[in-house]
Protein backbone atom coordinates (compact mmCIF):
# COMPACT_ATOMS: atom_id res chain seq x y z
CA MET A 1 6.95 -15.41 0.76
CA ASN A 2 8.53 -15.96 3.90
CA THR A 3 10.91 -13.08 3.14
CA LEU A 4 8.52 -10.87 1.88
CA ASN A 5 6.05 -11.33 4.92
CA ASP A 6 8.48 -11.20 7.32
CA ILE A 7 10.06 -7.80 5.35
CA LEU A 8 7.01 -6.78 5.90
CA MET A 9 6.37 -7.94 9.38
CA MET A 10 9.51 -5.91 10.53
CA ILE A 11 8.63 -2.43 7.89
CA LYS A 12 5.85 -2.43 10.41
CA ARG A 13 7.51 -2.59 13.64
CA ASN A 14 9.71 -0.40 12.62
CA LEU A 15 6.71 2.14 11.85
CA ILE A 16 5.43 1.73 15.25
CA ARG A 17 7.85 2.64 16.83
CA TYR A 18 7.80 5.76 14.72
CA THR A 19 3.89 5.82 16.60
CA ARG A 20 5.81 4.78 19.87
CA LEU A 21 8.86 7.62 19.41
CA PRO A 22 7.13 10.82 17.47
CA GLN A 23 9.71 13.23 18.73
CA LEU A 24 11.42 10.82 15.45
CA ILE A 25 8.85 12.48 13.44
CA VAL A 26 8.35 15.44 14.44
CA PHE A 27 12.59 16.48 14.44
CA SER A 28 13.23 14.96 11.08
CA THR A 29 10.17 16.85 9.75
CA ILE A 30 11.52 20.45 11.54
CA GLN A 31 15.11 20.25 11.06
CA PRO A 32 14.81 20.62 6.91
CA VAL A 33 12.39 23.29 7.19
CA MET A 34 13.90 25.66 9.71
CA PHE A 35 17.25 25.15 6.78
CA LEU A 36 15.14 25.72 4.45
CA LEU A 37 13.15 28.87 5.50
CA LEU A 38 16.44 30.00 7.40
CA PHE A 39 18.59 29.60 4.19
CA ALA A 40 15.79 31.10 1.54
CA TYR A 41 15.17 34.16 3.97
CA VAL A 42 18.45 34.88 5.25
CA PHE A 43 20.70 34.31 2.24
CA GLY A 44 17.94 34.23 0.02
CA GLY A 45 17.93 38.42 -0.45
CA ALA A 46 21.97 38.46 -0.49
CA ILE A 47 22.80 36.35 -3.36
CA THR A 48 21.73 36.82 -6.79
CA THR A 49 21.32 33.86 -9.44
CA PRO A 50 21.12 35.50 -13.24
CA ILE A 51 18.51 32.15 -14.47
CA ALA A 52 16.00 31.71 -11.93
CA GLU A 53 15.34 32.53 -7.87
CA TYR A 54 17.61 31.61 -5.32
CA ILE A 55 15.04 29.28 -3.77
CA ASP A 56 15.15 26.90 -7.50
CA PHE A 57 18.54 26.33 -6.28
CA LEU A 58 18.67 26.07 -2.73
CA LEU A 59 15.35 23.58 -2.52
CA PRO A 60 16.95 20.66 -4.52
CA GLY A 61 20.36 20.91 -2.39
CA ILE A 62 18.39 20.62 1.28
CA LEU A 63 16.70 18.11 0.00
CA LEU A 64 19.25 16.29 -0.29
CA GLN A 65 21.16 17.29 2.50
CA THR A 66 17.89 15.99 4.31
CA VAL A 67 17.23 12.54 3.18
CA LEU A 68 21.54 11.87 3.68
CA PHE A 69 21.21 12.63 7.13
CA GLY A 70 17.50 11.18 7.38
CA SER A 71 19.78 8.06 6.11
CA MET A 72 22.11 8.63 8.75
CA GLN A 73 19.10 7.11 11.10
CA THR A 74 19.55 3.88 9.53
CA GLY A 75 22.36 2.88 11.17
CA ILE A 76 22.05 5.11 13.96
CA ALA A 77 19.03 2.52 14.84
CA LEU A 78 20.57 -0.36 13.56
CA SER A 79 23.24 0.20 16.57
CA ASP A 80 21.18 0.83 19.09
CA ASP A 81 18.77 -1.99 18.46
CA MET A 82 22.30 -4.20 17.94
CA SER A 83 23.34 -2.97 21.68
CA ARG A 84 19.95 -3.79 23.21
CA GLY A 85 20.10 -7.66 22.41
CA ILE A 86 17.18 -6.83 19.66
CA ILE A 87 19.11 -8.20 16.62
CA ASP A 88 20.02 -11.07 18.66
CA ARG A 89 17.18 -12.19 19.32
CA PHE A 90 15.64 -11.51 15.76
CA ARG A 91 18.49 -14.10 15.07
CA THR A 92 17.03 -17.15 16.70
CA LEU A 93 13.24 -16.53 15.16
CA PRO A 94 12.45 -18.77 12.37
CA MET A 95 12.85 -15.60 10.15
CA ALA A 96 15.08 -14.28 6.85
CA ARG A 97 17.89 -12.56 8.11
CA SER A 98 17.46 -9.77 5.90
CA ALA A 99 14.30 -8.67 7.05
CA VAL A 100 15.88 -6.47 9.59
CA LEU A 101 18.23 -4.25 7.49
CA ALA A 102 15.82 -4.44 4.29
CA GLY A 103 12.75 -3.71 6.90
CA ARG A 104 14.96 -1.36 7.77
CA THR A 105 15.59 0.21 5.22
CA ILE A 106 12.47 0.32 3.32
CA THR A 107 10.84 2.03 6.26
CA ASP A 108 13.43 4.79 6.64
CA SER A 109 12.68 5.23 2.68
CA LEU A 110 9.20 5.86 3.60
CA ARG A 111 9.92 8.76 6.35
CA ASN A 112 12.34 9.85 3.67
CA VAL A 113 9.61 10.18 1.53
CA PHE A 114 6.87 12.08 4.09
CA VAL A 115 9.92 14.98 4.76
CA VAL A 116 10.70 15.38 1.09
CA LEU A 117 6.82 15.59 0.01
CA LEU A 118 6.77 17.69 2.90
CA MET A 119 9.82 19.68 1.62
CA ALA A 120 8.36 20.62 -1.54
CA GLY A 121 5.33 21.57 -0.44
CA VAL A 122 6.53 24.09 1.90
CA GLY A 123 9.20 25.63 -1.15
CA THR A 124 6.19 25.98 -3.44
CA LEU A 125 5.00 28.09 -0.62
CA ILE A 126 8.10 29.52 -0.32
CA GLY A 127 8.45 30.39 -4.09
CA PHE A 128 9.99 27.34 -5.60
CA ARG A 129 8.80 25.95 -8.81
CA PHE A 130 9.77 22.98 -10.65
CA GLN A 131 11.17 23.69 -13.85
CA GLY A 132 9.59 21.28 -16.79
CA THR A 133 7.11 18.70 -16.51
CA TRP A 134 5.19 17.00 -13.95
CA LEU A 135 6.72 13.87 -14.27
CA ASP A 136 10.28 15.62 -14.65
CA ALA A 137 9.56 16.92 -11.34
CA MET A 138 8.22 13.26 -9.72
CA ALA A 139 11.58 11.83 -11.52
CA ALA A 140 13.12 14.69 -9.27
CA LEU A 141 11.81 13.38 -6.38
CA GLY A 142 12.30 9.90 -6.63
CA ILE A 143 15.73 10.01 -7.47
CA ALA A 144 15.86 12.25 -4.08
CA ILE A 145 14.19 9.43 -2.47
CA VAL A 146 16.39 6.59 -3.96
CA PHE A 147 19.69 8.79 -2.99
CA GLY A 148 18.82 8.35 1.15
CA PHE A 149 17.92 4.65 0.18
CA ALA A 150 20.90 3.74 -1.57
CA PHE A 151 22.57 6.09 1.91
CA SER A 152 20.79 4.22 4.00
CA TRP A 153 22.11 0.49 2.83
CA ILE A 154 25.61 2.38 4.17
CA SER A 155 24.79 3.85 7.23
CA ALA A 156 23.39 -0.12 7.54
CA ALA A 157 26.61 -1.02 7.14
CA ILE A 158 28.53 1.27 9.44
CA GLY A 159 25.91 0.65 12.09
CA LEU A 160 26.22 -3.35 12.49
CA ALA A 161 29.75 -2.68 12.09
CA VAL A 162 30.66 -0.30 15.33
CA LYS A 163 29.80 -1.18 18.87
CA ASP A 164 27.43 2.00 20.06
CA THR A 165 25.31 4.24 19.07
CA GLU A 166 26.79 7.21 19.63
CA THR A 167 29.39 6.21 17.12
CA ALA A 168 27.08 5.05 14.93
CA GLN A 169 26.11 8.67 14.42
CA VAL A 170 29.25 10.08 14.61
CA ALA A 171 30.30 7.74 11.82
CA GLY A 172 27.44 8.24 10.03
CA PHE A 173 28.57 12.28 9.41
CA ILE A 174 32.02 10.94 7.99
C-alpha cells in the first residue's frame, strides 16, 4: 500500500510540473495536430487508396508516431531529474524506489491519453471514421496508449543510462 501511495505522489508531482510548464502540454499537442493536418491536406490529394479514404490510413500512423514521441519524454525527464540531483534526493526519502519510474511512466501515459483523444477528435473533424464497433475503436486507442506506455519504459532505461538530457533526447530517436 505504501508503494501505491508513493507512486500516486510521484504522479501528482509530475502533473504539477505540467501545470508549471504548460509549454510541455502545448507543444506535445500542437506538433501531432500539425502533422495530421499537413499530411492530410498536403499529401491527401496526391495519394489515392482503393478501399478507404487516405485519412483512415493516416490517423493510426500519426497516433502511433505521437505516442512514440511522447514516450521519449520519459527518458528526457528522468535524465533531467538525474542531472539536477532530484533522483538522489528521492533516494534519501523513505519511499519505494520503483515509485519514481512508475510515477513518471504513468504520468506520461496520462498525457498520451489526452493527446490520443485530441488526435482522434481532430481526425474525426477532418473525415476519419473508425471501422467497426465503438468497442473496437476504444480498443484501438487503448492499444496505442499501451504501445506508448511500453516505450516509456524503454525510454526510462535510456534516460537513466545516459549522462545528460541532450543525449537522452538523441538516444531516444534510435
